[in-house]
Protein backbone atom coordinates (compact mmCIF):
# COMPACT_ATOMS: atom_id res chain seq x y z
CA UNK A 1 8.82 -1.81 -7.87
CA UNK A 2 7.48 -5.33 -7.45
CA UNK A 3 9.78 -7.76 -5.65
CA UNK A 4 10.91 -10.77 -7.64
CA UNK A 5 11.68 -14.06 -5.92
CA UNK A 6 15.39 -14.51 -5.36
CA UNK A 7 16.34 -10.89 -6.11
CA UNK A 8 18.00 -10.40 -2.75
CA UNK A 9 19.85 -13.72 -2.90
CA UNK A 10 21.19 -12.87 -6.36
CA UNK A 11 22.29 -9.42 -5.21
CA UNK A 12 24.08 -10.93 -2.19
CA UNK A 13 25.80 -13.51 -4.40
CA UNK A 14 26.96 -10.83 -6.82
CA UNK A 15 28.33 -8.72 -3.97
CA UNK A 16 30.11 -11.77 -2.51
CA UNK A 17 31.69 -12.44 -5.89
CA UNK A 18 32.98 -8.86 -6.07
CA UNK A 19 34.43 -9.08 -2.60
CA UNK A 20 36.03 -12.47 -3.36
CA UNK A 21 37.92 -10.85 -6.20
CA UNK A 22 39.41 -8.18 -3.94
CA UNK A 23 42.27 -10.25 -2.48
CA UNK A 24 45.96 -9.30 -2.44
CA UNK A 25 47.66 -8.35 -5.71
CA UNK A 26 50.23 -10.69 -7.33
CA UNK A 27 53.91 -10.08 -6.61
CA UNK A 28 55.63 -7.69 -9.04
CA UNK A 29 57.52 -9.22 -11.94
CA UNK A 30 61.33 -8.81 -11.62
CA UNK A 31 62.49 -5.69 -13.41
CA UNK A 32 59.12 -4.09 -13.45
CA UNK A 33 58.76 -0.51 -12.31
CA UNK A 34 57.16 0.36 -8.98
CA UNK A 35 54.31 1.99 -10.86
CA UNK A 36 53.54 -1.15 -12.90
CA UNK A 37 53.85 -3.28 -9.76
CA UNK A 38 51.33 -1.19 -7.82
CA UNK A 39 47.89 -2.85 -7.83
CA UNK A 40 45.16 -0.92 -9.58
CA UNK A 41 42.34 0.34 -7.42
CA UNK A 42 39.26 -1.89 -7.40
CA UNK A 43 36.01 -0.10 -8.14
CA UNK A 44 33.75 0.35 -5.14
CA UNK A 45 30.54 -1.65 -5.61
CA UNK A 46 27.51 0.58 -6.03
CA UNK A 47 24.94 -0.16 -3.32
CA UNK A 48 21.67 -1.46 -4.75
CA UNK A 49 18.23 -0.34 -3.56
CA UNK A 50 17.96 -3.76 -1.89
CA UNK A 51 21.22 -3.08 -0.03
CA UNK A 52 19.87 0.27 1.12
CA UNK A 53 16.59 -1.26 2.31
CA UNK A 54 18.49 -3.92 4.25
CA UNK A 55 20.76 -1.33 5.86
CA UNK A 56 17.83 0.88 6.82
CA UNK A 57 15.93 -2.06 8.28
CA UNK A 58 18.94 -3.11 10.37
CA UNK A 59 19.21 0.41 11.80
CA UNK A 60 15.53 0.66 12.80
CA UNK A 61 14.13 -0.05 16.24
CA UNK A 62 11.09 -2.30 16.55
CA UNK A 63 8.97 0.77 17.23
CA UNK A 64 10.23 2.51 14.11
CA UNK A 65 9.46 -0.58 12.04
CA UNK A 66 5.92 -0.68 13.37
CA UNK A 67 5.48 3.04 12.75
CA UNK A 68 6.60 2.47 9.16
CA UNK A 69 3.60 0.15 8.77
CA UNK A 70 1.10 2.89 9.68
CA UNK A 71 -0.57 5.18 7.17
CA UNK A 72 -2.19 7.93 9.22
CA UNK A 73 -4.32 10.99 8.64
CA UNK A 74 -4.39 14.31 10.44
CA UNK A 75 -6.85 17.03 9.43
CA UNK A 76 -5.86 20.43 8.09
CA UNK A 77 -3.74 22.13 5.46
CA UNK A 78 -1.10 23.85 7.59
CA UNK A 79 2.27 22.53 6.39
CA UNK A 80 4.04 23.08 9.71
CA UNK A 81 1.37 21.16 11.63
CA UNK A 82 1.47 18.26 9.20
CA UNK A 83 5.27 18.15 9.29
CA UNK A 84 5.20 17.98 13.08
CA UNK A 85 2.58 15.23 13.01
CA UNK A 86 4.72 13.11 10.69
CA UNK A 87 7.86 13.81 12.71
CA UNK A 88 6.35 12.81 16.04
CA UNK A 89 4.52 9.70 14.79
CA UNK A 90 7.29 8.54 12.40
CA UNK A 91 4.48 7.10 10.28
CA UNK A 92 5.44 5.49 7.00
CA UNK A 93 2.47 6.95 5.18
CA UNK A 94 -0.25 9.59 5.12
CA UNK A 95 -3.71 9.45 3.59
CA UNK A 96 -4.96 12.73 2.14
CA UNK A 97 -8.63 13.37 2.90
CA UNK A 98 -10.89 16.22 1.87
CA UNK A 99 -9.89 18.29 4.89
CA UNK A 100 -6.27 18.26 3.67
CA UNK A 101 -7.16 19.80 0.30
CA UNK A 102 -6.84 23.58 0.17
CA UNK A 103 -7.80 24.23 -3.43
CA UNK A 104 -6.24 23.32 -6.76
CA UNK A 105 -3.67 20.60 -7.30
CA UNK A 106 -1.06 23.35 -7.56
CA UNK A 107 -2.10 24.55 -4.09
CA UNK A 108 -1.92 20.97 -2.82
CA UNK A 109 1.67 20.24 -3.84
CA UNK A 110 3.41 22.28 -1.08
CA UNK A 111 1.02 20.84 1.53
CA UNK A 112 1.86 17.33 0.41
CA UNK A 113 5.59 18.13 0.35
CA UNK A 114 5.40 19.06 4.04
CA UNK A 115 4.65 15.42 4.87
CA UNK A 116 8.18 14.38 3.89
CA UNK A 117 10.25 14.82 7.04
CA UNK A 118 13.22 12.95 5.57
CA UNK A 119 13.68 13.62 1.82
CA UNK A 120 15.96 10.59 1.57
CA UNK A 121 12.99 8.36 2.46
CA UNK A 122 9.69 10.06 1.61
CA UNK A 123 6.50 8.58 3.05
CA UNK A 124 3.84 6.91 0.97
CA UNK A 125 1.12 9.49 0.38
CA UNK A 126 -2.24 8.14 -0.74
CA UNK A 127 -5.65 9.48 -1.67
CA UNK A 128 -9.08 7.98 -2.35
CA UNK A 129 -9.53 9.35 -5.86
CA UNK A 130 -12.00 7.08 -7.60
CA UNK A 131 -13.64 10.04 -9.28
CA UNK A 132 -17.35 10.72 -9.17
CA UNK A 133 -18.83 10.39 -5.69
CA UNK A 134 -15.47 9.53 -4.09
CA UNK A 135 -13.15 12.41 -4.92
CA UNK A 136 -10.80 14.54 -2.85
CA UNK A 137 -9.24 16.57 -5.67
CA UNK A 138 -11.95 18.88 -6.95
CA UNK A 139 -10.43 19.32 -10.39
CA UNK A 140 -11.15 15.69 -11.22
CA UNK A 141 -14.11 15.93 -13.58
CA UNK A 142 -13.26 12.77 -15.48
CA UNK A 143 -15.78 9.93 -15.80
CA UNK A 144 -15.87 7.29 -13.06
CA UNK A 145 -17.81 4.33 -11.75
CA UNK A 146 -21.03 3.43 -13.55
CA UNK A 147 -20.40 6.10 -16.20
CA UNK A 148 -17.28 4.21 -17.26
CA UNK A 149 -19.07 0.87 -16.95
CA UNK A 150 -21.20 1.69 -20.02
CA UNK A 151 -18.32 3.10 -22.07
CA UNK A 152 -15.71 1.06 -23.96
CA UNK A 153 -12.90 -0.21 -21.69
CA UNK A 154 -10.41 2.14 -23.36
CA UNK A 155 -12.33 5.09 -21.90
CA UNK A 156 -11.37 3.85 -18.44
CA UNK A 157 -7.70 4.00 -19.37
CA UNK A 158 -8.05 7.59 -20.57
CA UNK A 159 -10.00 8.66 -17.47
CA UNK A 160 -7.54 7.12 -15.03
CA UNK A 161 -4.53 8.48 -16.89
CA UNK A 162 -5.97 11.97 -16.57
CA UNK A 163 -6.94 11.33 -12.95
CA UNK A 164 -3.46 10.04 -12.13
CA UNK A 165 -1.94 13.11 -13.73
CA UNK A 166 -3.82 15.33 -11.28
CA UNK A 167 -2.82 13.13 -8.36
CA UNK A 168 0.83 13.27 -9.41
CA UNK A 169 0.70 17.08 -9.78
CA UNK A 170 -0.63 17.24 -6.21
CA UNK A 171 2.50 15.42 -5.01
CA UNK A 172 0.58 12.25 -4.10
CA UNK A 173 2.17 8.92 -4.95
CA UNK A 174 -0.55 6.33 -4.40
CA UNK A 175 -4.20 6.13 -5.44
CA UNK A 176 -6.72 4.08 -3.47
CA UNK A 177 -8.97 4.55 -6.46
CA UNK A 178 -9.58 1.40 -8.51
CA UNK A 179 -12.78 -0.40 -7.55
CA UNK A 180 -12.41 -4.09 -8.42
CA UNK A 181 -15.67 -4.93 -6.66
CA UNK A 182 -18.57 -5.99 -8.85
CA UNK A 183 -22.29 -6.42 -8.27
CA UNK A 184 -25.48 -6.68 -10.28
CA UNK A 185 -27.50 -5.46 -7.28
CA UNK A 186 -28.38 -1.79 -7.85
CA UNK A 187 -29.23 -1.38 -4.15
CA UNK A 188 -25.71 -2.36 -3.00
CA UNK A 189 -23.84 0.51 -1.34
CA UNK A 190 -20.97 -0.06 -3.78
CA UNK A 191 -23.17 -0.13 -6.91
CA UNK A 192 -22.55 3.45 -8.08
CA UNK A 193 -18.77 3.01 -7.81
CA UNK A 194 -18.18 -0.24 -9.70
CA UNK A 195 -16.54 -0.38 -13.13
CA UNK A 196 -18.78 -3.19 -14.34
CA UNK A 197 -21.72 -5.24 -13.04
CA UNK A 198 -20.22 -8.61 -13.99
CA UNK A 199 -16.71 -9.88 -13.20
CA UNK A 200 -15.64 -9.89 -16.86
CA UNK A 201 -16.98 -6.39 -17.54
CA UNK A 202 -15.33 -5.05 -14.40
CA UNK A 203 -12.04 -6.84 -15.09
CA UNK A 204 -11.79 -5.34 -18.58
CA UNK A 205 -11.95 -1.85 -17.06
CA UNK A 206 -9.90 -2.56 -13.94
CA UNK A 207 -6.91 -3.58 -16.06
CA UNK A 208 -7.36 -0.46 -18.18
CA UNK A 209 -7.45 1.71 -15.05
CA UNK A 210 -4.15 0.19 -13.91
CA UNK A 211 -2.66 0.80 -17.36
CA UNK A 212 -3.81 4.42 -17.24
CA UNK A 213 -2.14 5.06 -13.89
CA UNK A 214 1.08 3.27 -14.87
CA UNK A 215 4.14 5.47 -14.42
CA UNK A 216 2.18 8.27 -12.74
CA UNK A 217 0.96 6.90 -9.39
CA UNK A 218 0.84 3.54 -7.64
CA UNK A 219 -2.41 1.69 -8.32
CA UNK A 220 -4.51 0.10 -5.59
CA UNK A 221 -7.30 -2.42 -6.16
CA UNK A 222 -10.12 -2.51 -3.61
CA UNK A 223 -11.92 -3.96 -1.63
CA UNK A 224 -10.47 -7.50 -1.63
CA UNK A 225 -11.97 -10.11 -1.73
CA UNK A 226 -14.90 -8.17 -3.19
CA UNK A 227 -17.49 -5.95 -1.54
CA UNK A 228 -20.07 -6.71 -4.19
CA UNK A 229 -20.81 -10.14 -2.72
CA UNK A 230 -22.79 -8.35 -0.01
CA UNK A 231 -24.95 -5.25 -0.17
CA UNK A 232 -24.07 -4.11 3.36
CA UNK A 233 -21.84 -1.13 4.10
CA UNK A 234 -18.62 -1.85 6.00
CA UNK A 235 -18.60 1.70 7.37
CA UNK A 236 -21.45 0.70 9.68
CA UNK A 237 -21.16 -3.09 10.02
CA UNK A 238 -18.98 -6.09 9.18
CA UNK A 239 -20.75 -7.40 6.06
CA UNK A 240 -20.99 -11.15 5.60
CA UNK A 241 -21.46 -13.56 2.69
CA UNK A 242 -21.53 -17.34 2.45
CA UNK A 243 -20.48 -17.37 -1.23
CA UNK A 244 -18.75 -20.73 -1.87
CA UNK A 245 -15.03 -20.78 -2.69
CA UNK A 246 -15.55 -22.03 -6.26
CA UNK A 247 -18.13 -19.33 -6.96
CA UNK A 248 -15.82 -16.63 -5.59
CA UNK A 249 -12.85 -17.91 -7.57
CA UNK A 250 -14.86 -18.00 -10.81
CA UNK A 251 -16.47 -14.60 -10.23
CA UNK A 252 -15.46 -11.80 -7.81
CA UNK A 253 -11.81 -12.87 -7.91
CA UNK A 254 -11.47 -12.14 -11.63
CA UNK A 255 -11.20 -8.31 -11.56
CA UNK A 256 -8.56 -8.53 -8.83
CA UNK A 257 -6.64 -11.20 -10.73
CA UNK A 258 -6.66 -9.16 -13.92
CA UNK A 259 -5.68 -5.96 -12.12
CA UNK A 260 -2.77 -7.76 -10.48
CA UNK A 261 -1.66 -9.17 -13.84
CA UNK A 262 -1.81 -5.61 -15.24
CA UNK A 263 0.69 -4.50 -12.61
CA UNK A 264 -1.26 -3.00 -9.69
CA UNK A 265 1.18 -2.26 -6.88
CA UNK A 266 -1.25 -2.55 -3.96
CA UNK A 267 -4.41 -4.35 -2.91
CA UNK A 268 -6.69 -2.99 -0.18
CA UNK A 269 -8.44 -5.52 2.06
CA UNK A 270 -12.07 -4.95 2.93
CA UNK A 271 -13.58 -5.41 6.38
CA UNK A 272 -15.99 -8.14 5.29
CA UNK A 273 -16.45 -11.82 6.06
CA UNK A 274 -16.67 -14.51 3.40
CA UNK A 275 -17.48 -17.29 5.81
CA UNK A 276 -16.97 -20.23 3.44
CA UNK A 277 -13.26 -19.36 3.55
CA UNK A 278 -12.76 -17.74 6.98
CA UNK A 279 -15.00 -16.45 9.75
CA UNK A 280 -12.69 -13.46 10.32
CA UNK A 281 -12.96 -10.27 8.27
CA UNK A 282 -10.65 -10.51 5.25
CA UNK A 283 -8.58 -7.61 6.58
CA UNK A 284 -7.73 -9.70 9.66
CA UNK A 285 -7.54 -13.07 7.92
CA UNK A 286 -4.23 -14.84 7.33
CA UNK A 287 -6.08 -17.20 5.00
CA UNK A 288 -7.26 -14.42 2.69
CA UNK A 289 -3.76 -12.94 2.65
CA UNK A 290 -2.41 -16.35 1.69
CA UNK A 291 -4.98 -16.58 -1.11
CA UNK A 292 -3.93 -13.18 -2.44
CA UNK A 293 -0.24 -14.10 -2.38
CA UNK A 294 -0.50 -17.72 -3.56
CA UNK A 295 -3.64 -18.14 -5.64
CA UNK A 296 -3.58 -14.67 -7.23
CA UNK A 297 0.25 -14.40 -7.34
CA UNK A 298 0.37 -10.92 -5.81
CA UNK A 299 3.72 -9.68 -4.49
CA UNK A 300 2.95 -6.00 -3.89
CA UNK A 301 1.64 -4.12 -0.87
CA UNK A 302 -1.25 -5.46 1.21
CA UNK A 303 -3.16 -2.52 2.69
CA UNK A 304 -6.11 -2.37 5.07
CA UNK A 305 -9.16 -0.24 4.62
CA UNK A 306 -9.52 2.38 7.37
CA UNK A 307 -9.05 0.45 10.61
CA UNK A 308 -11.47 2.77 12.44
CA UNK A 309 -14.28 1.20 10.41
CA UNK A 310 -13.85 -2.08 12.26
CA UNK A 311 -13.76 -0.35 15.59
CA UNK A 312 -16.93 1.62 14.77
CA UNK A 313 -18.79 -1.29 13.13
CA UNK A 314 -20.94 -2.00 16.17
CA UNK A 315 -19.54 -5.53 16.42
CA UNK A 316 -18.14 -5.91 19.97
CA UNK A 317 -15.44 -8.31 18.73
CA UNK A 318 -13.73 -5.36 17.05
CA UNK A 319 -14.21 -2.60 19.58
CA UNK A 320 -10.57 -2.70 20.75
CA UNK A 321 -8.28 -0.87 18.31
CA UNK A 322 -5.12 -2.53 19.61
CA UNK A 323 -6.50 -6.05 19.19
CA UNK A 324 -7.56 -5.14 15.66
CA UNK A 325 -4.11 -3.76 14.84
CA UNK A 326 -2.32 -6.82 16.20
CA UNK A 327 -4.61 -9.11 14.20
CA UNK A 328 -4.05 -7.02 11.04
CA UNK A 329 -0.27 -7.30 11.35
CA UNK A 330 -0.36 -11.02 12.14
CA UNK A 331 -2.67 -11.62 9.15
CA UNK A 332 -0.06 -10.25 6.77
CA UNK A 333 -0.90 -6.61 6.05
CA UNK A 334 2.01 -4.35 5.14
CA UNK A 335 0.21 -1.07 5.77
CA UNK A 336 -2.53 -0.24 8.31
CA UNK A 337 -4.64 2.81 7.44
CA UNK A 338 -6.10 5.11 10.11
CA UNK A 339 -8.22 8.14 9.22
CA UNK A 340 -7.72 9.99 12.49
CA UNK A 341 -9.31 13.10 13.94
CA UNK A 342 -7.12 15.78 15.48
CA UNK A 343 -8.25 14.69 18.96
CA UNK A 344 -7.41 11.05 19.79
CA UNK A 345 -10.46 10.93 22.03
CA UNK A 346 -12.67 11.40 18.96
CA UNK A 347 -10.98 8.62 16.95
CA UNK A 348 -10.48 6.33 19.91
CA UNK A 349 -6.91 5.82 18.70
CA UNK A 350 -3.75 7.56 19.89
CA UNK A 351 -0.82 6.69 17.59
CA UNK A 352 1.70 6.65 20.43
CA UNK A 353 -0.45 4.32 22.54
CA UNK A 354 -1.12 2.11 19.54
CA UNK A 355 2.62 1.77 18.94
CA UNK A 356 3.17 1.01 22.64
CA UNK A 357 0.75 -1.90 22.37
CA UNK A 358 2.15 -3.19 19.08
CA UNK A 359 5.68 -3.00 20.43
CA UNK A 360 4.64 -5.03 23.48
CA UNK A 361 3.01 -7.60 21.18
CA UNK A 362 6.30 -8.04 19.31
CA UNK A 363 8.18 -8.34 22.61
CA UNK A 364 5.92 -11.13 23.90
CA UNK A 365 5.90 -12.99 20.59
CA UNK A 366 2.26 -12.34 19.67
CA UNK A 367 3.52 -10.56 16.55
CA UNK A 368 6.55 -12.34 15.02
CA UNK A 369 9.28 -9.79 14.38
CA UNK A 370 10.19 -11.66 11.20
CA UNK A 371 6.73 -10.83 9.82
CA UNK A 372 7.24 -7.17 10.65
CA UNK A 373 10.64 -7.22 8.94
CA UNK A 374 9.13 -8.75 5.81
CA UNK A 375 6.43 -6.08 5.62
CA UNK A 376 8.79 -3.20 6.35
CA UNK A 377 11.31 -4.45 3.78
CA UNK A 378 8.57 -4.44 1.17
CA UNK A 379 7.57 -0.91 2.19
CA UNK A 380 11.16 0.34 2.19
CA UNK A 381 11.72 -1.08 -1.28
CA UNK A 382 8.71 0.83 -2.58
CA UNK A 383 9.61 4.10 -0.84
CA UNK A 384 13.20 3.96 -2.10
CA UNK A 385 11.96 3.22 -5.63
CA UNK A 386 9.55 6.16 -5.47
CA UNK A 387 12.33 8.46 -4.27
CA UNK A 388 14.65 7.34 -7.05
CA UNK A 389 11.92 7.66 -9.67
CA UNK A 390 11.14 11.21 -8.52
């Protein structure tokens, strides 16, 4: 599913070559029969997934493109209600939370299926299924976090393969479940969820977790560039660290780098500041997105952590959800996550109003439409690949 450089150019060149060979047929040889003189039919080129993504993008309005970049949540397990929510928002994704889980994974599958309004282009459906203290699917009794950190790395592969099997049975296609953060501070809020206290120990298990999920669900590494560099909780603040660039590159970067090399399809950005690189939270930082793409050679999906966390952090700079969303798109995120309540007044975010504001930001040039097109193309490629694989 990962885009390779030049793939689209090569596909276009191949199609052009086919079309160039479809000129008029040579004149019939004297004495030949009408049947032998008749040109044979040229085979119709089979559209590639890249062709389909391009065609879909060309047919989308700006608002539809922006909606495709939203992964939303709505509480409840009623299939009709969830279908209507996805139809009216046109969101490209849905995050399954505990209030969307009715019972077993078998019970979950029809609920998840209701999220797909258009079977020809199913949404991305994700879940936070780390195991242990962060679990939505109750049948997941497999080891996680610090329990895996003291077991051989191969145990992580087995646990995540079993975990991914449950997620797949529930009809969910993406797991926000691989903690690539690392810390040796037992008081850190992330300490019980890490797969290793040191970068090397964590990296050995992160790559095994990705291998375990391979072919079952899309893997997501979180929380880039590494929540373990600070003990603060980004659910209640915007944590900050002054870790130098060289120290970050030689330490917290390693589990992410190894997980990417193992084939992780997505990386989730944390709402934390590493001020030696950028004063902005990584989730809103073009510099950190550039580092992920260039220094760590990642070409998959860039995903935000729940955007409501910024808004509810207590930092007045991030109290406006529209400003946060615009900054997240401009920074280079492909997918913005919103864990919404049923009542927009509770969340402080109304999807329709958010799209109004984002659409206006594209119209006035604050958000370059080319950046939106790049993100949506990447998302369409993944959604088409998931459909075809299913």
